[in-house]
N, C-alpha and C. Protein backbone atom coordinates (compact mmCIF):
# COMPACT_ATOMS: atom_id res chain seq x y z
N MET A 1 25.55 9.72 -16.97
CA MET A 1 24.98 9.01 -17.85
C MET A 1 23.51 8.78 -17.64
N ILE A 2 22.97 8.26 -18.99
CA ILE A 2 21.50 7.97 -18.62
C ILE A 2 20.99 6.81 -18.42
N LYS A 3 20.67 5.75 -18.29
CA LYS A 3 20.43 4.51 -18.26
C LYS A 3 19.14 4.22 -18.85
N ALA A 4 19.28 3.34 -19.92
CA ALA A 4 18.03 3.07 -20.69
C ALA A 4 16.72 1.91 -19.44
N GLN A 5 15.67 2.54 -19.24
CA GLN A 5 14.78 2.11 -18.82
C GLN A 5 14.32 0.69 -19.51
N ARG A 6 14.64 -0.84 -18.71
CA ARG A 6 13.70 -2.18 -19.24
C ARG A 6 12.52 -2.23 -18.58
N THR A 7 11.53 -2.99 -19.28
CA THR A 7 10.73 -3.40 -18.74
C THR A 7 10.15 -4.60 -19.01
N ASP A 8 10.79 -5.48 -19.18
CA ASP A 8 10.66 -6.81 -19.85
C ASP A 8 10.68 -7.42 -18.02
N VAL A 9 9.81 -8.24 -18.30
CA VAL A 9 9.61 -9.22 -16.80
C VAL A 9 10.12 -10.64 -17.46
N ILE A 10 10.86 -10.99 -16.61
CA ILE A 10 11.24 -12.76 -16.44
C ILE A 10 10.79 -13.43 -15.52
N VAL A 11 10.05 -14.67 -16.10
CA VAL A 11 9.33 -15.76 -14.73
C VAL A 11 9.81 -17.02 -15.37
N LEU A 12 10.38 -17.45 -14.03
CA LEU A 12 10.77 -18.78 -14.13
C LEU A 12 9.92 -19.75 -13.20
N ALA A 13 9.23 -20.93 -13.81
CA ALA A 13 8.64 -21.50 -13.03
C ALA A 13 9.02 -23.19 -13.51
N ALA A 14 9.07 -23.71 -12.06
CA ALA A 14 9.12 -25.32 -12.34
C ALA A 14 8.16 -26.07 -12.24
N ALA A 15 7.72 -27.10 -12.72
CA ALA A 15 6.74 -28.41 -13.00
C ALA A 15 7.49 -29.55 -12.62
N ARG A 16 6.99 -30.37 -11.72
CA ARG A 16 7.50 -31.32 -11.22
C ARG A 16 6.56 -32.87 -11.56
N ALA A 17 6.67 -33.49 -12.37
CA ALA A 17 5.69 -34.33 -12.80
C ALA A 17 5.85 -35.53 -11.54
N LYS A 18 4.64 -36.72 -11.24
CA LYS A 18 4.36 -37.52 -10.33
C LYS A 18 5.22 -38.68 -11.52
N PRO A 19 5.70 -39.38 -9.98
CA PRO A 19 6.65 -40.97 -10.84
C PRO A 19 5.47 -41.41 -11.97
N GLY A 20 6.25 -41.81 -13.20
CA GLY A 20 5.65 -42.51 -14.15
C GLY A 20 4.87 -41.44 -15.03
N LYS A 21 4.49 -40.13 -14.71
CA LYS A 21 3.65 -38.82 -15.56
C LYS A 21 4.69 -38.29 -16.10
N GLU A 22 6.22 -38.40 -16.43
CA GLU A 22 6.96 -37.37 -17.08
C GLU A 22 6.39 -36.94 -18.17
N GLY A 23 6.27 -37.73 -19.20
CA GLY A 23 6.10 -37.91 -20.69
C GLY A 23 4.56 -36.94 -20.71
N GLU A 24 3.86 -37.35 -19.72
CA GLU A 24 2.36 -36.57 -19.79
C GLU A 24 2.69 -35.04 -19.57
N LEU A 25 3.65 -34.61 -18.66
CA LEU A 25 3.90 -33.41 -18.22
C LEU A 25 4.40 -32.72 -19.13
N GLU A 26 5.32 -33.30 -20.04
CA GLU A 26 6.36 -32.68 -21.09
C GLU A 26 4.83 -32.33 -22.07
N ALA A 27 4.09 -33.35 -22.69
CA ALA A 27 3.66 -33.39 -23.76
C ALA A 27 2.37 -31.87 -23.37
N ALA A 28 2.11 -31.98 -22.06
CA ALA A 28 1.16 -31.04 -21.81
C ALA A 28 1.66 -29.60 -22.25
N LEU A 29 2.69 -29.49 -21.35
CA LEU A 29 3.96 -28.21 -21.49
C LEU A 29 3.76 -27.62 -22.57
N ARG A 30 4.53 -29.13 -23.63
CA ARG A 30 4.74 -28.49 -24.77
C ARG A 30 3.63 -27.96 -25.61
N GLU A 31 2.23 -28.61 -25.48
CA GLU A 31 0.92 -28.11 -25.94
C GLU A 31 1.09 -26.77 -25.64
N ALA A 32 1.20 -26.37 -24.38
CA ALA A 32 1.11 -24.76 -24.12
C ALA A 32 1.69 -23.44 -24.49
N ALA A 33 2.80 -24.44 -25.09
CA ALA A 33 3.78 -23.86 -25.53
C ALA A 33 3.77 -22.98 -26.56
N GLY A 34 3.17 -23.71 -27.67
CA GLY A 34 2.76 -22.53 -29.11
C GLY A 34 2.30 -21.76 -28.87
N PRO A 35 0.65 -21.66 -28.03
CA PRO A 35 0.05 -20.60 -28.06
C PRO A 35 0.31 -19.34 -26.87
N THR A 36 1.45 -20.10 -25.92
CA THR A 36 1.74 -19.06 -25.45
C THR A 36 2.86 -18.37 -26.23
N ARG A 37 3.65 -18.46 -27.27
CA ARG A 37 4.45 -17.92 -28.00
C ARG A 37 3.95 -16.85 -28.66
N GLU A 38 2.66 -17.32 -29.31
CA GLU A 38 2.10 -16.18 -30.00
C GLU A 38 1.29 -15.10 -29.18
N GLN A 39 1.25 -15.26 -28.04
CA GLN A 39 0.58 -13.94 -27.47
C GLN A 39 1.21 -12.74 -27.94
N PRO A 40 0.87 -11.60 -27.71
CA PRO A 40 1.35 -10.36 -27.68
C PRO A 40 2.21 -10.20 -26.51
N GLY A 41 3.09 -9.74 -26.71
CA GLY A 41 4.18 -9.53 -25.74
C GLY A 41 5.11 -10.45 -25.42
N CYS A 42 4.76 -11.91 -25.57
CA CYS A 42 5.03 -12.62 -25.60
C CYS A 42 6.90 -12.58 -26.29
N VAL A 43 7.97 -12.20 -25.82
CA VAL A 43 9.09 -11.93 -26.18
C VAL A 43 10.06 -13.53 -26.16
N GLN A 44 9.85 -14.24 -25.13
CA GLN A 44 10.73 -16.00 -25.50
C GLN A 44 9.94 -16.45 -24.41
N PHE A 45 9.99 -17.91 -24.60
CA PHE A 45 9.20 -19.11 -24.21
C PHE A 45 10.07 -20.56 -24.30
N LEU A 46 10.93 -20.91 -23.00
CA LEU A 46 11.20 -21.80 -23.29
C LEU A 46 10.89 -22.96 -22.20
N LEU A 47 11.08 -24.52 -22.18
CA LEU A 47 10.90 -24.80 -21.52
C LEU A 47 12.45 -25.54 -21.52
N LEU A 48 12.94 -26.34 -20.40
CA LEU A 48 13.91 -26.62 -20.15
C LEU A 48 14.21 -27.86 -18.73
N ARG A 49 14.75 -28.42 -19.26
CA ARG A 49 14.92 -29.73 -18.56
C ARG A 49 15.98 -29.75 -17.51
N VAL A 50 15.56 -30.34 -16.26
CA VAL A 50 16.47 -30.19 -15.29
C VAL A 50 17.60 -31.28 -15.10
N ALA A 51 18.81 -30.99 -15.18
CA ALA A 51 19.89 -31.97 -15.65
C ALA A 51 19.70 -33.37 -14.54
N GLY A 52 19.48 -34.44 -15.07
CA GLY A 52 19.70 -35.37 -14.41
C GLY A 52 18.58 -35.64 -13.34
N ASP A 53 16.87 -34.76 -13.52
CA ASP A 53 16.07 -34.88 -13.08
C ASP A 53 14.82 -35.20 -14.09
N ARG A 54 14.72 -36.26 -14.51
CA ARG A 54 13.56 -36.34 -15.47
C ARG A 54 12.34 -35.81 -15.36
N SER A 55 12.03 -35.38 -14.34
CA SER A 55 10.33 -35.55 -13.54
C SER A 55 10.54 -33.92 -13.73
N THR A 56 11.49 -33.19 -13.84
CA THR A 56 11.34 -31.48 -13.46
C THR A 56 11.64 -30.85 -15.04
N ILE A 57 10.74 -30.03 -15.49
CA ILE A 57 10.98 -28.93 -16.34
C ILE A 57 10.70 -27.70 -16.01
N VAL A 58 11.56 -27.15 -16.15
CA VAL A 58 11.46 -25.31 -15.68
C VAL A 58 11.19 -24.67 -17.33
N GLY A 59 9.89 -23.58 -17.09
CA GLY A 59 9.82 -22.82 -18.02
C GLY A 59 10.03 -21.19 -17.97
N TYR A 60 10.99 -21.24 -18.60
CA TYR A 60 11.25 -19.39 -18.81
C TYR A 60 10.93 -18.90 -19.83
N GLU A 61 10.04 -17.25 -18.96
CA GLU A 61 9.41 -16.49 -20.21
C GLU A 61 9.86 -15.84 -19.70
N ARG A 62 10.02 -14.87 -20.83
CA ARG A 62 10.49 -13.45 -20.99
C ARG A 62 8.99 -12.50 -22.08
N TRP A 63 8.44 -11.18 -21.06
CA TRP A 63 7.31 -10.49 -21.57
C TRP A 63 8.16 -9.48 -21.85
N ALA A 64 7.11 -8.97 -22.64
CA ALA A 64 7.96 -7.08 -23.12
C ALA A 64 6.78 -5.97 -21.75
N SER A 65 6.59 -6.81 -21.02
CA SER A 65 5.59 -5.82 -20.15
C SER A 65 4.99 -6.42 -18.84
N GLU A 66 4.86 -6.24 -17.44
CA GLU A 66 4.40 -6.68 -16.69
C GLU A 66 2.86 -6.71 -17.12
N ALA A 67 2.31 -5.76 -18.02
CA ALA A 67 0.56 -5.75 -18.32
C ALA A 67 0.32 -6.98 -19.69
N ASP A 68 1.51 -7.00 -20.82
CA ASP A 68 1.61 -8.29 -21.34
C ASP A 68 1.44 -9.69 -20.56
N HIS A 69 2.06 -9.92 -19.50
CA HIS A 69 2.35 -10.81 -18.87
C HIS A 69 0.92 -11.26 -17.87
N GLN A 70 0.36 -10.03 -17.37
CA GLN A 70 -0.81 -10.54 -16.54
C GLN A 70 -2.23 -10.67 -17.35
N LYS A 71 -1.68 -10.14 -18.71
CA LYS A 71 -3.05 -10.69 -19.49
C LYS A 71 -3.17 -11.95 -20.18
N HIS A 72 -1.47 -12.55 -20.31
CA HIS A 72 -1.19 -14.31 -20.71
C HIS A 72 -1.60 -14.73 -18.90
N LEU A 73 -1.76 -14.52 -17.84
CA LEU A 73 -2.31 -15.05 -16.89
C LEU A 73 -3.64 -15.15 -16.76
N GLN A 74 -4.65 -14.49 -17.29
CA GLN A 74 -5.72 -14.13 -17.53
C GLN A 74 -6.39 -15.34 -18.16
N GLY A 75 -5.63 -15.59 -19.22
CA GLY A 75 -6.10 -16.95 -19.95
C GLY A 75 -7.36 -16.30 -21.14
N PRO A 76 -7.19 -17.40 -22.05
CA PRO A 76 -8.01 -16.84 -23.51
C PRO A 76 -9.62 -16.05 -22.88
N THR A 77 -9.30 -15.11 -24.00
CA THR A 77 -10.66 -14.44 -23.71
C THR A 77 -11.92 -14.80 -24.53
N SER A 78 -12.93 -14.67 -24.72
CA SER A 78 -14.11 -15.37 -25.45
C SER A 78 -14.49 -13.45 -25.70
N THR A 79 -15.06 -14.06 -27.40
CA THR A 79 -15.32 -12.90 -28.17
C THR A 79 -16.92 -13.31 -28.58
N GLY A 80 -17.50 -14.07 -28.39
CA GLY A 80 -18.71 -14.70 -28.55
C GLY A 80 -19.78 -14.14 -27.24
N SER A 81 -20.63 -14.21 -27.62
CA SER A 81 -22.02 -13.35 -26.48
C SER A 81 -22.53 -14.44 -25.83
């Protein structure tokens, strides 16, 4: 039997807000979610709330390849001089 080779990369990252800053954390992560979803190689990007813990949000990212994820980590690139 030949097994198909998968190159997807799954990333889980948790962010915890300081007390009273939960709304600010959520707003900042939601603002970043749109552009991240538009990046080449982004298969899926979800923000998940931890049950019973309003201060913690988990990001679930699925990238088509390690190279696509690495490009994402480099941040936006400038095309100007």
